[in-house]
Amino acid sequence: MRIYHAHTAFDCHNQLGEGCNWSALDQSLWWTDIEAKSVFRWDDKRRVAAVRQLPNRAAFVFPRARGGFVLGFPKSIVITDPTFTDFSQVAEIEPHLAQTRVNDAAIDPYGGIVLGTYNQQSREPVGSVYRVAPDGEVTTLFGGVAAANGLEFSPDGRIMYFTDTAEGTIRRFTLAPKFAGLGEIGPLAGPNIAPGSPDGATVDIEGGYWSARLRGGCVVRIDQNGHLTDRVDIPSMAPTCVALGGADLRTLFITSRRTRQSSDELLRFPESGNLFHVKVGPAGRPPFGCRV
């Protein structure tokens, strides 16, 4: 197994850094701090960051092919302009469930967004996974979800990955052309494949699945046969999401959190909440464009 050690790229001390993704449009990393109601942009070439405040908590931010951004607010998917000034709702998500909010999301191979929800009050699996098509139509894909995470797609766009952090299995689904259907196949990995619980994820050009291990202090790569091939140790026990980016798509970026970490743990890992990075072997797959 290849072992890497990630270091701080940006000392941001996020309360709950999440949703990091590499944008081919501006060659930058985008992510949010959910609890601070903030959006972050990291320019890896110039090593500078920009921060924007939001009117609400956002679990994800995706640059749009047509300009502006799509945001995942707790109960809605919204579009905003490049300055994060004007906001318009595209879809409402689970208005009947006071305990849930929008959580993890991924751009699908056809330009839509697949997202799942998170039960903020308990581990009861009352949430679901949805697809927002480019025209804004919302489809429920499946339910029984407590903490949706790990959403990603294989390089050829034929496999969708998903995990419920509360349960821990990394599940796989076959994707019909044009997202006409979804069928579950055998899991990629079980809950005990690595320390901690699976959180956010990304997929490389070889089909390797990189899983942030919340409370495990690492990110692991699982190949298409379900075998561990790589581990990235970080100076925090709480990695939350990952993305492959940079000029050659070989920089692994890792967001993390400070919230819900004990005071003793924060003393041991004072860099918790930072954005980390490390060069790895396989390159990321080219990002899909968001057409919502």
Protein backbone atom coordinates (compact mmCIF):
# COMPACT_ATOMS: atom_id res chain seq x y z
CA MET A 1 0.00 0.00 0.00
CA ARG A 2 1.22 3.50 -0.84
CA ILE A 3 1.27 5.85 2.16
CA TYR A 4 1.09 9.65 1.86
CA HIS A 5 1.09 12.48 4.39
CA ALA A 6 -1.03 15.54 3.65
CA HIS A 7 -0.18 19.04 4.87
CA THR A 8 -2.10 22.28 5.27
CA ALA A 9 -2.64 24.15 2.00
CA PHE A 10 -4.78 26.89 3.53
CA ASP A 11 -5.13 27.67 7.24
CA CYS A 12 -8.89 28.31 7.12
CA HIS A 13 -9.99 26.65 10.39
CA ASN A 14 -13.38 25.75 8.92
CA GLN A 15 -16.07 24.82 11.40
CA LEU A 16 -17.43 22.30 8.90
CA GLY A 17 -15.53 22.31 5.61
CA GLU A 18 -17.43 20.31 2.99
CA GLY A 19 -18.28 19.74 -0.66
CA CYS A 20 -14.87 20.37 -2.21
CA ASN A 21 -14.69 20.01 -5.98
CA TRP A 22 -12.21 20.98 -8.68
CA SER A 23 -13.53 23.27 -11.40
CA ALA A 24 -12.09 23.03 -14.91
CA LEU A 25 -13.74 26.38 -15.72
CA ASP A 26 -11.38 28.46 -13.58
CA GLN A 27 -8.81 25.84 -12.49
CA SER A 28 -9.75 26.33 -8.86
CA LEU A 29 -10.97 24.33 -5.89
CA TRP A 30 -14.37 25.31 -4.47
CA TRP A 31 -15.83 24.26 -1.12
CA THR A 32 -18.07 25.49 1.68
CA ASP A 33 -17.96 25.92 5.43
CA ILE A 34 -21.51 24.86 6.20
CA GLU A 35 -21.76 26.26 9.72
CA ALA A 36 -20.00 29.55 8.89
CA LYS A 37 -22.31 30.13 5.86
CA SER A 38 -19.28 30.64 3.63
CA VAL A 39 -17.98 29.67 0.19
CA PHE A 40 -14.24 29.27 -0.40
CA ARG A 41 -12.20 29.31 -3.60
CA TRP A 42 -8.57 28.14 -3.69
CA ASP A 43 -6.36 29.16 -6.61
CA ASP A 44 -3.73 26.41 -6.52
CA LYS A 45 -1.42 28.14 -8.99
CA ARG A 46 -1.18 31.42 -7.10
CA ARG A 47 -1.74 29.80 -3.67
CA VAL A 48 -4.41 32.33 -2.71
CA ALA A 49 -7.95 31.94 -1.40
CA ALA A 50 -11.14 33.98 -1.61
CA VAL A 51 -14.11 33.80 0.75
CA ARG A 52 -17.75 34.79 0.22
CA GLN A 53 -20.46 35.00 2.89
CA LEU A 54 -23.86 33.46 2.18
CA PRO A 55 -27.35 34.11 3.53
CA ASN A 56 -27.72 30.47 4.57
CA ARG A 57 -25.74 27.29 5.25
CA ALA A 58 -24.60 25.59 2.03
CA ALA A 59 -23.49 21.96 1.78
CA PHE A 60 -22.08 22.33 -1.74
CA VAL A 61 -21.17 24.87 -4.40
CA PHE A 62 -20.80 23.99 -8.10
CA PRO A 63 -19.68 26.43 -10.80
CA ARG A 64 -22.21 26.38 -13.65
CA ALA A 65 -21.29 25.98 -17.32
CA ARG A 66 -23.57 28.95 -18.06
CA GLY A 67 -22.01 31.14 -15.40
CA GLY A 68 -22.68 31.62 -11.72
CA PHE A 69 -23.07 28.79 -9.22
CA VAL A 70 -25.46 26.20 -7.86
CA LEU A 71 -25.70 25.99 -4.07
CA GLY A 72 -27.21 23.38 -1.78
CA PHE A 73 -29.02 25.28 0.97
CA PRO A 74 -30.58 23.21 3.78
CA LYS A 75 -34.00 22.90 2.12
CA SER A 76 -33.43 24.13 -1.42
CA ILE A 77 -31.20 24.10 -4.47
CA VAL A 78 -30.50 27.64 -5.63
CA ILE A 79 -28.70 29.40 -8.46
CA THR A 80 -26.62 32.48 -7.78
CA ASP A 81 -24.68 34.98 -9.88
CA PRO A 82 -20.85 35.15 -9.98
CA THR A 83 -20.81 37.63 -7.07
CA PHE A 84 -23.06 35.50 -4.80
CA THR A 85 -25.49 38.41 -4.56
CA ASP A 86 -28.75 37.26 -6.18
CA PHE A 87 -30.31 33.87 -5.41
CA SER A 88 -33.15 32.03 -7.15
CA GLN A 89 -34.61 28.68 -6.14
CA VAL A 90 -34.43 25.75 -8.54
CA ALA A 91 -35.92 23.05 -6.32
CA GLU A 92 -37.24 22.51 -2.81
CA ILE A 93 -35.92 19.45 -0.95
CA GLU A 94 -37.86 17.60 1.77
CA PRO A 95 -39.95 20.54 3.03
CA HIS A 96 -42.04 18.04 5.04
CA LEU A 97 -39.04 16.86 7.10
CA ALA A 98 -37.92 19.46 9.62
CA GLN A 99 -35.02 17.30 10.81
CA THR A 100 -33.20 16.94 7.47
CA ARG A 101 -31.00 19.17 5.34
CA VAL A 102 -29.26 18.86 1.98
CA ASN A 103 -25.84 17.24 2.38
CA ASP A 104 -23.46 15.60 -0.10
CA ALA A 105 -23.79 16.07 -3.87
CA ALA A 106 -22.05 15.32 -7.16
CA ILE A 107 -22.37 16.49 -10.75
CA ASP A 108 -23.51 13.58 -12.88
CA PRO A 109 -22.24 12.66 -16.38
CA TYR A 110 -25.21 14.40 -18.02
CA GLY A 111 -24.84 17.75 -16.26
CA GLY A 112 -27.40 17.20 -13.53
CA ILE A 113 -26.78 17.07 -9.79
CA VAL A 114 -27.30 14.04 -7.55
CA LEU A 115 -27.69 14.94 -3.88
CA GLY A 116 -28.66 13.34 -0.62
CA THR A 117 -29.94 14.55 2.72
CA TYR A 118 -28.79 14.29 6.33
CA ASN A 119 -30.86 13.78 9.47
CA GLN A 120 -29.56 16.45 11.87
CA GLN A 121 -31.42 15.09 14.89
CA SER A 122 -30.88 11.33 14.91
CA ARG A 123 -29.70 8.34 12.90
CA GLU A 124 -33.22 7.51 11.75
CA PRO A 125 -32.99 6.96 7.97
CA VAL A 126 -35.77 9.31 6.89
CA GLY A 127 -33.81 11.09 4.13
CA SER A 128 -33.39 10.30 0.45
CA VAL A 129 -31.18 10.72 -2.60
CA TYR A 130 -32.41 12.89 -5.47
CA ARG A 131 -31.42 13.98 -8.95
CA VAL A 132 -31.88 17.54 -10.17
CA ALA A 133 -31.86 17.43 -13.99
CA PRO A 134 -30.40 20.30 -16.04
CA ASP A 135 -33.95 21.61 -16.57
CA GLY A 136 -34.59 21.64 -12.80
CA GLU A 137 -36.81 18.56 -12.64
CA VAL A 138 -36.33 16.64 -9.37
CA THR A 139 -36.46 12.84 -9.26
CA THR A 140 -36.29 10.75 -6.09
CA LEU A 141 -33.74 7.96 -6.65
CA PHE A 142 -34.07 6.07 -3.35
CA GLY A 143 -34.87 6.60 0.33
CA GLY A 144 -33.85 5.11 3.66
CA VAL A 145 -30.95 7.52 4.19
CA ALA A 146 -29.63 8.96 7.46
CA ALA A 147 -26.43 10.73 6.34
CA ALA A 148 -25.90 10.82 2.56
CA ASN A 149 -22.26 10.98 1.52
CA GLY A 150 -19.66 9.61 -0.88
CA LEU A 151 -21.61 10.39 -4.06
CA GLU A 152 -19.40 10.01 -7.13
CA PHE A 153 -19.33 8.54 -10.64
CA SER A 154 -16.91 6.25 -12.46
CA PRO A 155 -14.80 7.77 -15.27
CA ASP A 156 -17.05 6.22 -17.93
CA GLY A 157 -20.18 7.48 -16.18
CA ARG A 158 -21.71 4.02 -15.85
CA ILE A 159 -21.36 3.53 -12.08
CA MET A 160 -22.64 5.74 -9.26
CA TYR A 161 -21.19 5.41 -5.76
CA PHE A 162 -22.94 6.29 -2.51
CA THR A 163 -22.51 5.75 1.20
CA ASP A 164 -24.61 6.43 4.26
CA THR A 165 -22.06 7.51 6.87
CA ALA A 166 -24.32 6.21 9.64
CA GLU A 167 -24.12 2.69 8.15
CA GLY A 168 -20.74 2.69 6.42
CA THR A 169 -21.09 0.50 3.31
CA ILE A 170 -19.91 2.02 0.04
CA ARG A 171 -22.69 1.10 -2.37
CA ARG A 172 -22.65 0.92 -6.19
CA PHE A 173 -25.35 1.49 -8.78
CA THR A 174 -25.37 1.01 -12.55
CA LEU A 175 -26.48 4.07 -14.45
CA ALA A 176 -28.56 3.80 -17.61
CA PRO A 177 -27.76 6.18 -20.52
CA LYS A 178 -29.12 9.72 -20.08
CA PHE A 179 -29.84 8.80 -16.43
CA ALA A 180 -32.89 6.84 -17.54
CA GLY A 181 -32.57 4.38 -14.66
CA LEU A 182 -30.52 3.26 -11.67
CA GLY A 183 -29.88 -0.31 -10.51
CA GLU A 184 -27.97 -1.39 -7.40
CA ILE A 185 -25.17 -3.94 -7.71
CA GLY A 186 -22.80 -5.40 -5.12
CA PRO A 187 -21.06 -2.98 -2.75
CA LEU A 188 -17.55 -1.69 -3.34
CA ALA A 189 -16.55 -2.01 0.31
CA GLY A 190 -17.97 -2.69 3.76
CA PRO A 191 -17.91 -0.42 6.83
CA ASN A 192 -14.67 -1.87 8.24
CA ILE A 193 -12.41 -1.52 5.23
CA ALA A 194 -10.58 1.38 6.89
CA PRO A 195 -10.59 3.34 10.16
CA GLY A 196 -13.43 5.77 10.78
CA SER A 197 -16.61 6.23 8.76
CA PRO A 198 -16.87 7.06 5.05
CA ASP A 199 -17.66 10.69 4.26
CA GLY A 200 -17.01 12.58 1.01
CA ALA A 201 -15.29 10.95 -1.95
CA THR A 202 -13.76 11.41 -5.38
CA VAL A 203 -12.84 9.04 -8.21
CA ASP A 204 -9.59 9.01 -10.22
CA ILE A 205 -9.06 8.30 -13.91
CA GLU A 206 -8.29 4.63 -13.15
CA GLY A 207 -11.59 4.20 -11.34
CA GLY A 208 -10.08 4.28 -7.85
CA TYR A 209 -12.46 5.56 -5.17
CA TRP A 210 -10.89 7.95 -2.62
CA SER A 211 -12.88 7.97 0.63
CA ALA A 212 -12.47 10.54 3.43
CA ARG A 213 -12.61 8.61 6.71
CA LEU A 214 -14.34 10.76 9.30
CA ARG A 215 -12.95 10.09 12.78
CA GLY A 216 -10.32 7.91 11.11
CA GLY A 217 -7.76 10.63 10.41
CA CYS A 218 -7.11 9.49 6.84
CA VAL A 219 -8.26 9.19 3.26
CA VAL A 220 -8.08 5.80 1.56
CA ARG A 221 -8.17 4.69 -2.07
CA ILE A 222 -10.19 1.59 -2.93
CA ASP A 223 -9.70 0.06 -6.37
CA GLN A 224 -12.53 -1.30 -8.52
CA ASN A 225 -12.06 -4.76 -6.97
CA GLY A 226 -12.60 -3.43 -3.46
CA HIS A 227 -8.94 -3.54 -2.39
CA LEU A 228 -7.11 -0.82 -0.46
CA THR A 229 -4.22 0.57 -2.50
CA ASP A 230 -3.38 3.94 -0.91
CA ARG A 231 -3.74 5.76 2.39
CA VAL A 232 -3.29 9.48 3.07
CA ASP A 233 -2.74 10.44 6.71
CA ILE A 234 -3.73 13.96 7.71
CA PRO A 235 -3.14 16.07 10.87
CA SER A 236 -6.82 15.86 11.85
CA MET A 237 -9.17 13.07 12.84
CA ALA A 238 -12.00 14.64 10.84
CA PRO A 239 -11.48 14.72 7.07
CA THR A 240 -14.83 15.44 5.43
CA CYS A 241 -14.46 15.61 1.66
CA VAL A 242 -11.85 15.14 -1.08
CA ALA A 243 -11.16 16.26 -4.65
CA LEU A 244 -8.40 15.65 -7.18
CA GLY A 245 -7.25 18.83 -8.87
CA GLY A 246 -4.33 21.06 -9.73
CA ALA A 247 -2.75 21.51 -13.15
CA ASP A 248 -2.22 17.77 -13.63
CA LEU A 249 -5.23 16.64 -11.51
CA ARG A 250 -2.82 14.80 -9.20
CA THR A 251 -3.20 16.99 -6.11
CA LEU A 252 -5.56 15.47 -3.56
CA PHE A 253 -7.36 18.23 -1.65
CA ILE A 254 -9.02 17.39 1.67
CA THR A 255 -11.44 19.50 3.69
CA SER A 256 -11.97 18.96 7.42
CA ARG A 257 -13.99 20.14 10.38
CA ARG A 258 -13.57 21.50 13.91
CA THR A 259 -17.18 21.23 15.03
CA ARG A 260 -18.08 18.16 17.11
CA GLN A 261 -14.40 17.53 17.85
CA SER A 262 -13.50 17.40 21.55
CA SER A 263 -11.28 20.06 23.10
CA ASP A 264 -8.64 17.39 23.78
CA GLU A 265 -8.69 16.34 20.15
CA LEU A 266 -8.35 19.95 18.95
CA LEU A 267 -5.34 20.35 21.24
CA ARG A 268 -3.78 17.24 19.67
CA PHE A 269 -4.74 18.27 16.13
CA PRO A 270 -4.79 22.09 16.03
CA GLU A 271 -4.87 22.08 12.21
CA SER A 272 -8.35 20.54 12.20
CA GLY A 273 -10.66 22.53 9.94
CA ASN A 274 -7.93 23.37 7.45
CA LEU A 275 -7.71 22.56 3.76
CA PHE A 276 -5.02 19.91 3.25
CA HIS A 277 -3.24 18.76 0.10
CA VAL A 278 -0.80 16.12 -1.13
CA LYS A 279 0.47 14.87 -4.49
CA VAL A 280 -0.71 11.35 -5.31
CA GLY A 281 -0.11 8.88 -8.16
CA PRO A 282 -3.32 8.51 -10.18
CA ALA A 283 -4.79 11.66 -11.73
CA GLY A 284 -8.39 12.66 -11.20
CA ARG A 285 -10.95 12.05 -13.88
CA PRO A 286 -11.85 15.19 -15.86
CA PRO A 287 -14.67 16.97 -13.98
CA PHE A 288 -18.20 16.78 -15.36
CA GLY A 289 -19.78 20.16 -16.18
CA CYS A 290 -22.84 21.40 -14.27
CA ARG A 291 -25.68 22.34 -16.64
CA VAL A 292 -28.35 22.99 -14.00
